[in-house]
Amino acid sequence: MSDGAPARTVRPITPAQVRLLRHAVLRSFEPPEQIIYHGDEAPDTLHAGAFRGDELVGIASVCREGMPAGREPGGWRLRGMATLPAVRGEGYGRALLEECFTHIRAQGGTLLWCNARVVALGFYEHLGFVAEGDEFDIPPIGPHYVMTRRL
């Protein structure tokens, strides 16, 4: 970047790196080593990290997983999407999702879904996701919606 700001990059990272930011931003009530999601270790799962210079500032993980209750099998699930509060609104979240979209398409996927926190609905809607069904609660995290995006 010509303005002297650190370069923004998105690249694959390890499950261990993801868990540190999952803990810091999403699940501070759990130790990082225990924040393991279904699919984290699958060979086609992508753990993407957004970096400001050398600093990891955002994460997203996508794995093959059909939607709840078999509503649409064969989809991909977005889990643990998070950016540090200091970089929100700077495009890191969008860059992470674009990396995820590219990965899923390369694997032949056509649908991405997630359990989105209510506070993040606007972010997801801005990127083409649609809320499905009713609001539900995930204790102790709070209210969510299932959201989907066709790829």
N, C-alpha and C. Protein backbone atom coordinates (compact mmCIF):
# COMPACT_ATOMS: atom_id res chain seq x y z
N MET A 1 0.84 -1.18 0.00
CA MET A 1 0.00 0.00 0.00
C MET A 1 0.88 1.24 0.00
N SER A 2 0.50 2.18 -0.77
CA SER A 2 1.35 3.35 -0.92
C SER A 2 1.20 4.37 0.21
N ASP A 3 0.15 4.27 1.01
CA ASP A 3 -0.05 5.25 2.07
C ASP A 3 0.70 4.92 3.35
N GLY A 4 1.55 3.91 3.33
CA GLY A 4 2.32 3.53 4.51
C GLY A 4 1.60 2.58 5.44
N ALA A 5 0.33 2.27 5.14
CA ALA A 5 -0.42 1.32 5.98
C ALA A 5 0.11 -0.08 5.73
N PRO A 6 0.06 -0.95 6.74
CA PRO A 6 0.50 -2.34 6.53
C PRO A 6 -0.34 -3.02 5.45
N ALA A 7 0.29 -3.89 4.70
CA ALA A 7 -0.42 -4.62 3.64
C ALA A 7 -1.49 -5.52 4.23
N ARG A 8 -2.63 -5.63 3.52
CA ARG A 8 -3.70 -6.54 3.90
C ARG A 8 -3.59 -7.78 3.03
N THR A 9 -3.50 -8.93 3.67
CA THR A 9 -3.45 -10.20 2.95
C THR A 9 -4.39 -11.19 3.60
N VAL A 10 -4.82 -12.16 2.81
CA VAL A 10 -5.62 -13.28 3.31
C VAL A 10 -4.94 -14.54 2.81
N ARG A 11 -4.73 -15.49 3.73
CA ARG A 11 -4.07 -16.74 3.34
C ARG A 11 -4.52 -17.86 4.28
N PRO A 12 -4.33 -19.11 3.85
CA PRO A 12 -4.67 -20.23 4.73
C PRO A 12 -3.81 -20.21 5.99
N ILE A 13 -4.43 -20.61 7.10
CA ILE A 13 -3.73 -20.72 8.38
C ILE A 13 -4.08 -22.07 9.00
N THR A 14 -3.45 -22.37 10.11
CA THR A 14 -3.66 -23.65 10.78
C THR A 14 -4.87 -23.58 11.73
N PRO A 15 -5.43 -24.74 12.07
CA PRO A 15 -6.50 -24.75 13.07
C PRO A 15 -6.05 -24.13 14.40
N ALA A 16 -4.82 -24.34 14.80
CA ALA A 16 -4.33 -23.76 16.06
C ALA A 16 -4.36 -22.24 16.01
N GLN A 17 -3.99 -21.63 14.87
CA GLN A 17 -4.03 -20.18 14.74
C GLN A 17 -5.46 -19.66 14.81
N VAL A 18 -6.37 -20.39 14.19
CA VAL A 18 -7.78 -20.00 14.20
C VAL A 18 -8.31 -19.99 15.63
N ARG A 19 -7.96 -21.00 16.39
CA ARG A 19 -8.51 -21.15 17.74
C ARG A 19 -8.11 -19.99 18.65
N LEU A 20 -6.95 -19.41 18.45
CA LEU A 20 -6.53 -18.28 19.27
C LEU A 20 -7.45 -17.08 19.07
N LEU A 21 -7.79 -16.78 17.82
CA LEU A 21 -8.68 -15.65 17.58
C LEU A 21 -10.14 -16.00 17.90
N ARG A 22 -10.53 -17.26 17.70
CA ARG A 22 -11.87 -17.69 18.13
C ARG A 22 -12.04 -17.38 19.62
N HIS A 23 -11.02 -17.70 20.38
CA HIS A 23 -11.07 -17.44 21.82
C HIS A 23 -11.12 -15.94 22.09
N ALA A 24 -10.26 -15.18 21.47
CA ALA A 24 -10.15 -13.74 21.77
C ALA A 24 -11.41 -12.97 21.40
N VAL A 25 -12.07 -13.35 20.30
CA VAL A 25 -13.19 -12.54 19.80
C VAL A 25 -14.55 -13.19 20.04
N LEU A 26 -14.64 -14.52 19.92
CA LEU A 26 -15.95 -15.17 19.92
C LEU A 26 -16.29 -15.95 21.19
N ARG A 27 -15.29 -16.58 21.79
CA ARG A 27 -15.58 -17.52 22.88
C ARG A 27 -14.57 -17.37 24.00
N SER A 28 -14.49 -16.20 24.58
CA SER A 28 -13.51 -15.95 25.66
C SER A 28 -13.77 -16.80 26.88
N PHE A 29 -14.96 -17.39 26.98
CA PHE A 29 -15.31 -18.24 28.13
C PHE A 29 -14.76 -19.66 28.00
N GLU A 30 -14.11 -19.99 26.86
CA GLU A 30 -13.53 -21.31 26.65
C GLU A 30 -12.03 -21.18 26.37
N PRO A 31 -11.22 -22.10 26.86
CA PRO A 31 -9.80 -22.08 26.52
C PRO A 31 -9.61 -22.34 25.03
N PRO A 32 -8.62 -21.68 24.38
CA PRO A 32 -8.43 -21.84 22.93
C PRO A 32 -8.30 -23.30 22.49
N GLU A 33 -7.61 -24.11 23.26
CA GLU A 33 -7.38 -25.49 22.85
C GLU A 33 -8.65 -26.33 22.86
N GLN A 34 -9.72 -25.82 23.47
CA GLN A 34 -10.99 -26.55 23.50
C GLN A 34 -11.99 -26.05 22.46
N ILE A 35 -11.64 -25.01 21.72
CA ILE A 35 -12.56 -24.45 20.73
C ILE A 35 -12.31 -25.15 19.39
N ILE A 36 -12.77 -26.38 19.35
CA ILE A 36 -12.61 -27.23 18.18
C ILE A 36 -13.99 -27.47 17.60
N TYR A 37 -14.16 -27.13 16.33
CA TYR A 37 -15.45 -27.30 15.66
C TYR A 37 -15.42 -28.56 14.79
N HIS A 38 -16.59 -29.14 14.61
CA HIS A 38 -16.74 -30.26 13.69
C HIS A 38 -16.21 -29.82 12.32
N GLY A 39 -15.38 -30.64 11.72
CA GLY A 39 -14.84 -30.33 10.39
C GLY A 39 -13.52 -29.60 10.40
N ASP A 40 -13.05 -29.13 11.55
CA ASP A 40 -11.79 -28.38 11.61
C ASP A 40 -10.62 -29.12 10.99
N GLU A 41 -10.59 -30.44 11.15
CA GLU A 41 -9.44 -31.22 10.69
C GLU A 41 -9.68 -31.92 9.36
N ALA A 42 -10.83 -31.69 8.73
CA ALA A 42 -11.11 -32.33 7.43
C ALA A 42 -10.14 -31.81 6.37
N PRO A 43 -9.71 -32.69 5.47
CA PRO A 43 -8.69 -32.28 4.49
C PRO A 43 -9.12 -31.17 3.54
N ASP A 44 -10.42 -31.01 3.28
CA ASP A 44 -10.85 -29.95 2.37
C ASP A 44 -11.36 -28.70 3.09
N THR A 45 -11.27 -28.68 4.41
CA THR A 45 -11.63 -27.48 5.18
C THR A 45 -10.61 -26.38 4.92
N LEU A 46 -11.10 -25.16 4.81
CA LEU A 46 -10.23 -23.99 4.70
C LEU A 46 -10.33 -23.18 5.98
N HIS A 47 -9.19 -22.91 6.58
CA HIS A 47 -9.07 -21.93 7.66
C HIS A 47 -8.34 -20.75 7.05
N ALA A 48 -9.03 -19.63 6.91
CA ALA A 48 -8.44 -18.44 6.30
C ALA A 48 -8.13 -17.42 7.38
N GLY A 49 -6.99 -16.78 7.22
CA GLY A 49 -6.59 -15.72 8.14
C GLY A 49 -6.39 -14.42 7.38
N ALA A 50 -6.89 -13.33 7.93
CA ALA A 50 -6.67 -12.00 7.37
C ALA A 50 -5.56 -11.35 8.19
N PHE A 51 -4.60 -10.79 7.52
CA PHE A 51 -3.45 -10.19 8.17
C PHE A 51 -3.33 -8.72 7.81
N ARG A 52 -3.01 -7.91 8.81
CA ARG A 52 -2.60 -6.52 8.63
C ARG A 52 -1.11 -6.53 8.88
N GLY A 53 -0.34 -6.49 7.82
CA GLY A 53 1.09 -6.73 7.96
C GLY A 53 1.28 -8.16 8.41
N ASP A 54 1.94 -8.34 9.55
CA ASP A 54 2.16 -9.68 10.10
C ASP A 54 1.15 -10.06 11.17
N GLU A 55 0.23 -9.16 11.50
CA GLU A 55 -0.73 -9.39 12.59
C GLU A 55 -2.00 -10.08 12.08
N LEU A 56 -2.35 -11.21 12.69
CA LEU A 56 -3.60 -11.89 12.37
C LEU A 56 -4.75 -11.09 12.97
N VAL A 57 -5.64 -10.57 12.10
CA VAL A 57 -6.71 -9.69 12.57
C VAL A 57 -8.10 -10.24 12.26
N GLY A 58 -8.18 -11.34 11.51
CA GLY A 58 -9.48 -11.91 11.18
C GLY A 58 -9.35 -13.36 10.79
N ILE A 59 -10.44 -14.10 10.98
CA ILE A 59 -10.45 -15.53 10.68
C ILE A 59 -11.80 -15.94 10.11
N ALA A 60 -11.79 -17.02 9.36
CA ALA A 60 -13.01 -17.68 8.89
C ALA A 60 -12.64 -19.11 8.55
N SER A 61 -13.54 -20.03 8.85
CA SER A 61 -13.35 -21.43 8.51
C SER A 61 -14.57 -21.92 7.75
N VAL A 62 -14.33 -22.69 6.68
CA VAL A 62 -15.42 -23.30 5.93
C VAL A 62 -15.14 -24.79 5.77
N CYS A 63 -16.20 -25.58 5.98
CA CYS A 63 -16.08 -27.03 5.83
C CYS A 63 -17.34 -27.56 5.18
N ARG A 64 -17.22 -28.75 4.58
CA ARG A 64 -18.40 -29.40 4.00
C ARG A 64 -19.34 -29.80 5.13
N GLU A 65 -20.55 -29.30 5.06
CA GLU A 65 -21.57 -29.68 6.04
C GLU A 65 -22.92 -29.24 5.52
N GLY A 66 -23.86 -30.17 5.43
CA GLY A 66 -25.20 -29.84 4.99
C GLY A 66 -25.91 -28.97 6.00
N MET A 67 -26.96 -28.33 5.55
CA MET A 67 -27.73 -27.45 6.43
C MET A 67 -28.46 -28.26 7.50
N PRO A 68 -28.85 -27.60 8.60
CA PRO A 68 -29.56 -28.29 9.68
C PRO A 68 -30.84 -28.96 9.19
N ALA A 69 -31.17 -30.05 9.83
CA ALA A 69 -32.40 -30.80 9.56
C ALA A 69 -32.49 -31.26 8.11
N GLY A 70 -31.34 -31.40 7.46
CA GLY A 70 -31.31 -31.92 6.10
C GLY A 70 -32.03 -31.07 5.09
N ARG A 71 -32.21 -29.77 5.41
CA ARG A 71 -32.97 -28.90 4.50
C ARG A 71 -32.33 -28.81 3.12
N GLU A 72 -31.01 -28.86 3.08
CA GLU A 72 -30.32 -28.82 1.79
C GLU A 72 -28.95 -29.45 1.98
N PRO A 73 -28.83 -30.72 1.68
CA PRO A 73 -27.56 -31.41 1.89
C PRO A 73 -26.50 -30.94 0.90
N GLY A 74 -25.26 -31.20 1.25
CA GLY A 74 -24.17 -30.93 0.34
C GLY A 74 -23.63 -29.51 0.38
N GLY A 75 -24.07 -28.74 1.32
CA GLY A 75 -23.57 -27.37 1.41
C GLY A 75 -22.25 -27.28 2.15
N TRP A 76 -21.80 -26.08 2.29
CA TRP A 76 -20.60 -25.76 3.07
C TRP A 76 -21.02 -24.84 4.21
N ARG A 77 -20.35 -25.00 5.34
CA ARG A 77 -20.68 -24.20 6.52
C ARG A 77 -19.54 -23.26 6.86
N LEU A 78 -19.91 -22.02 7.13
CA LEU A 78 -18.98 -21.01 7.63
C LEU A 78 -19.04 -21.03 9.14
N ARG A 79 -17.88 -21.13 9.78
CA ARG A 79 -17.83 -21.15 11.25
C ARG A 79 -16.72 -20.23 11.74
N GLY A 80 -16.94 -19.66 12.89
CA GLY A 80 -15.89 -18.90 13.55
C GLY A 80 -15.43 -17.68 12.78
N MET A 81 -16.32 -17.02 12.08
CA MET A 81 -15.96 -15.79 11.36
C MET A 81 -15.78 -14.68 12.39
N ALA A 82 -14.62 -14.04 12.38
CA ALA A 82 -14.36 -12.99 13.36
C ALA A 82 -13.26 -12.06 12.88
N THR A 83 -13.39 -10.79 13.24
CA THR A 83 -12.30 -9.82 13.06
C THR A 83 -12.10 -9.09 14.37
N LEU A 84 -10.88 -8.65 14.60
CA LEU A 84 -10.62 -7.85 15.78
C LEU A 84 -11.42 -6.55 15.69
N PRO A 85 -11.97 -6.07 16.79
CA PRO A 85 -12.76 -4.83 16.74
C PRO A 85 -12.01 -3.65 16.11
N ALA A 86 -10.72 -3.57 16.28
CA ALA A 86 -9.94 -2.44 15.77
C ALA A 86 -9.91 -2.36 14.24
N VAL A 87 -10.23 -3.46 13.53
CA VAL A 87 -10.16 -3.43 12.06
C VAL A 87 -11.52 -3.58 11.40
N ARG A 88 -12.59 -3.61 12.17
CA ARG A 88 -13.91 -3.77 11.58
C ARG A 88 -14.23 -2.56 10.69
N GLY A 89 -14.83 -2.85 9.56
CA GLY A 89 -15.16 -1.80 8.60
C GLY A 89 -14.03 -1.49 7.63
N GLU A 90 -12.91 -2.21 7.73
CA GLU A 90 -11.76 -1.96 6.85
C GLU A 90 -11.64 -2.97 5.72
N GLY A 91 -12.62 -3.86 5.55
CA GLY A 91 -12.62 -4.79 4.43
C GLY A 91 -12.02 -6.16 4.70
N TYR A 92 -11.56 -6.40 5.92
CA TYR A 92 -10.97 -7.71 6.22
C TYR A 92 -12.01 -8.82 6.19
N GLY A 93 -13.19 -8.57 6.72
CA GLY A 93 -14.25 -9.58 6.70
C GLY A 93 -14.66 -9.93 5.28
N ARG A 94 -14.84 -8.94 4.45
CA ARG A 94 -15.19 -9.17 3.04
C ARG A 94 -14.09 -9.99 2.36
N ALA A 95 -12.83 -9.63 2.59
CA ALA A 95 -11.72 -10.36 1.97
C ALA A 95 -11.69 -11.81 2.42
N LEU A 96 -11.97 -12.05 3.69
CA LEU A 96 -12.03 -13.43 4.19
C LEU A 96 -13.13 -14.22 3.48
N LEU A 97 -14.31 -13.64 3.38
CA LEU A 97 -15.42 -14.35 2.74
C LEU A 97 -15.15 -14.58 1.26
N GLU A 98 -14.54 -13.64 0.59
CA GLU A 98 -14.21 -13.84 -0.83
C GLU A 98 -13.25 -15.01 -0.98
N GLU A 99 -12.29 -15.16 -0.08
CA GLU A 99 -11.38 -16.30 -0.10
C GLU A 99 -12.16 -17.60 0.12
N CYS A 100 -13.11 -17.57 1.04
CA CYS A 100 -13.94 -18.75 1.30
C CYS A 100 -14.79 -19.10 0.08
N PHE A 101 -15.40 -18.09 -0.56
CA PHE A 101 -16.21 -18.34 -1.76
C PHE A 101 -15.37 -19.02 -2.84
N THR A 102 -14.17 -18.52 -3.06
CA THR A 102 -13.27 -19.08 -4.07
C THR A 102 -12.95 -20.54 -3.76
N HIS A 103 -12.65 -20.82 -2.50
CA HIS A 103 -12.31 -22.18 -2.09
C HIS A 103 -13.50 -23.13 -2.32
N ILE A 104 -14.68 -22.71 -1.90
CA ILE A 104 -15.87 -23.56 -2.02
C ILE A 104 -16.19 -23.83 -3.48
N ARG A 105 -16.14 -22.80 -4.32
CA ARG A 105 -16.39 -23.00 -5.75
C ARG A 105 -15.39 -23.98 -6.36
N ALA A 106 -14.12 -23.87 -5.96
CA ALA A 106 -13.08 -24.76 -6.47
C ALA A 106 -13.34 -26.22 -6.06
N GLN A 107 -14.07 -26.42 -4.97
CA GLN A 107 -14.42 -27.76 -4.50
C GLN A 107 -15.76 -28.23 -5.07
N GLY A 108 -16.37 -27.42 -5.93
CA GLY A 108 -17.64 -27.78 -6.54
C GLY A 108 -18.85 -27.39 -5.71
N GLY A 109 -18.65 -26.62 -4.64
CA GLY A 109 -19.76 -26.21 -3.79
C GLY A 109 -20.56 -25.08 -4.40
N THR A 110 -21.85 -25.03 -4.05
CA THR A 110 -22.74 -24.00 -4.59
C THR A 110 -23.53 -23.26 -3.51
N LEU A 111 -23.39 -23.67 -2.25
CA LEU A 111 -24.15 -23.05 -1.17
C LEU A 111 -23.26 -22.93 0.07
N LEU A 112 -23.30 -21.76 0.68
CA LEU A 112 -22.63 -21.54 1.95
C LEU A 112 -23.68 -21.12 2.96
N TRP A 113 -23.61 -21.70 4.17
CA TRP A 113 -24.55 -21.33 5.22
C TRP A 113 -23.79 -21.11 6.53
N CYS A 114 -24.43 -20.41 7.44
CA CYS A 114 -23.84 -20.17 8.76
C CYS A 114 -24.93 -19.86 9.77
N ASN A 115 -24.57 -19.98 11.04
CA ASN A 115 -25.38 -19.46 12.13
C ASN A 115 -24.80 -18.09 12.46
N ALA A 116 -25.51 -17.05 12.04
CA ALA A 116 -25.01 -15.69 12.18
C ALA A 116 -25.56 -15.03 13.44
N ARG A 117 -24.67 -14.41 14.19
CA ARG A 117 -25.13 -13.63 15.34
C ARG A 117 -26.00 -12.47 14.83
N VAL A 118 -27.03 -12.15 15.58
CA VAL A 118 -27.94 -11.08 15.18
C VAL A 118 -27.17 -9.77 14.95
N VAL A 119 -26.17 -9.50 15.76
CA VAL A 119 -25.40 -8.26 15.61
C VAL A 119 -24.63 -8.20 14.30
N ALA A 120 -24.47 -9.34 13.61
CA ALA A 120 -23.72 -9.38 12.35
C ALA A 120 -24.62 -9.51 11.12
N LEU A 121 -25.94 -9.48 11.29
CA LEU A 121 -26.85 -9.68 10.15
C LEU A 121 -26.57 -8.71 9.01
N GLY A 122 -26.39 -7.45 9.31
CA GLY A 122 -26.15 -6.45 8.28
C GLY A 122 -24.91 -6.74 7.46
N PHE A 123 -23.84 -7.18 8.12
CA PHE A 123 -22.60 -7.54 7.43
C PHE A 123 -22.87 -8.65 6.42
N TYR A 124 -23.53 -9.72 6.87
CA TYR A 124 -23.80 -10.84 5.98
C TYR A 124 -24.77 -10.47 4.85
N GLU A 125 -25.81 -9.72 5.17
CA GLU A 125 -26.77 -9.31 4.15
C GLU A 125 -26.08 -8.47 3.08
N HIS A 126 -25.17 -7.60 3.48
CA HIS A 126 -24.43 -6.76 2.53
C HIS A 126 -23.62 -7.61 1.55
N LEU A 127 -23.23 -8.81 1.97
CA LEU A 127 -22.44 -9.70 1.12
C LEU A 127 -23.28 -10.79 0.47
N GLY A 128 -24.61 -10.59 0.42
CA GLY A 128 -25.47 -11.48 -0.34
C GLY A 128 -26.09 -12.64 0.40
N PHE A 129 -25.91 -12.71 1.72
CA PHE A 129 -26.54 -13.78 2.50
C PHE A 129 -27.99 -13.42 2.77
N VAL A 130 -28.81 -14.45 2.95
CA VAL A 130 -30.23 -14.29 3.23
C VAL A 130 -30.55 -15.06 4.51
N ALA A 131 -31.30 -14.41 5.42
CA ALA A 131 -31.72 -15.07 6.66
C ALA A 131 -32.80 -16.10 6.34
N GLU A 132 -32.70 -17.26 6.98
CA GLU A 132 -33.65 -18.35 6.78
C GLU A 132 -34.29 -18.68 8.13
N GLY A 133 -35.59 -18.76 8.19
CA GLY A 133 -36.27 -19.20 9.40
C GLY A 133 -36.29 -18.15 10.49
N ASP A 134 -36.55 -18.64 11.71
CA ASP A 134 -36.73 -17.77 12.86
C ASP A 134 -35.43 -17.60 13.63
N GLU A 135 -35.39 -16.54 14.41
CA GLU A 135 -34.26 -16.31 15.33
C GLU A 135 -34.22 -17.44 16.36
N PHE A 136 -33.01 -17.84 16.74
CA PHE A 136 -32.84 -18.86 17.78
C PHE A 136 -31.65 -18.47 18.65
N ASP A 137 -31.60 -19.07 19.84
CA ASP A 137 -30.56 -18.72 20.81
C ASP A 137 -29.53 -19.84 20.92
N ILE A 138 -28.27 -19.46 20.99
CA ILE A 138 -27.19 -20.39 21.29
C ILE A 138 -26.56 -19.93 22.60
N PRO A 139 -26.97 -20.56 23.72
CA PRO A 139 -26.39 -20.16 25.01
C PRO A 139 -24.91 -20.53 25.07
N PRO A 140 -24.06 -19.79 25.65
CA PRO A 140 -24.24 -18.46 26.24
C PRO A 140 -23.93 -17.34 25.27
N ILE A 141 -23.96 -17.62 23.96
CA ILE A 141 -23.52 -16.64 22.96
C ILE A 141 -24.60 -15.64 22.62
N GLY A 142 -25.84 -16.10 22.45
CA GLY A 142 -26.93 -15.18 22.17
C GLY A 142 -27.72 -15.53 20.92
N PRO A 143 -28.55 -14.57 20.45
CA PRO A 143 -29.46 -14.82 19.33
C PRO A 143 -28.73 -14.91 17.98
N HIS A 144 -29.25 -15.82 17.14
CA HIS A 144 -28.68 -16.10 15.82
C HIS A 144 -29.79 -16.32 14.80
N TYR A 145 -29.41 -16.27 13.53
CA TYR A 145 -30.23 -16.71 12.40
C TYR A 145 -29.38 -17.62 11.54
N VAL A 146 -30.00 -18.62 10.92
CA VAL A 146 -29.34 -19.36 9.85
C VAL A 146 -29.37 -18.43 8.64
N MET A 147 -28.20 -18.28 7.99
CA MET A 147 -28.11 -17.45 6.78
C MET A 147 -27.47 -18.28 5.68
N THR A 148 -27.91 -18.03 4.45
CA THR A 148 -27.38 -18.78 3.31
C THR A 148 -26.96 -17.83 2.20
N ARG A 149 -26.04 -18.33 1.40
CA ARG A 149 -25.64 -17.61 0.19
C ARG A 149 -25.35 -18.62 -0.91
N ARG A 150 -25.97 -18.43 -2.05
CA ARG A 150 -25.70 -19.25 -3.23
C ARG A 150 -24.41 -18.74 -3.87
N LEU A 151 -23.59 -19.68 -4.34
CA LEU A 151 -22.32 -19.29 -4.97
C LEU A 151 -22.32 -19.58 -6.45
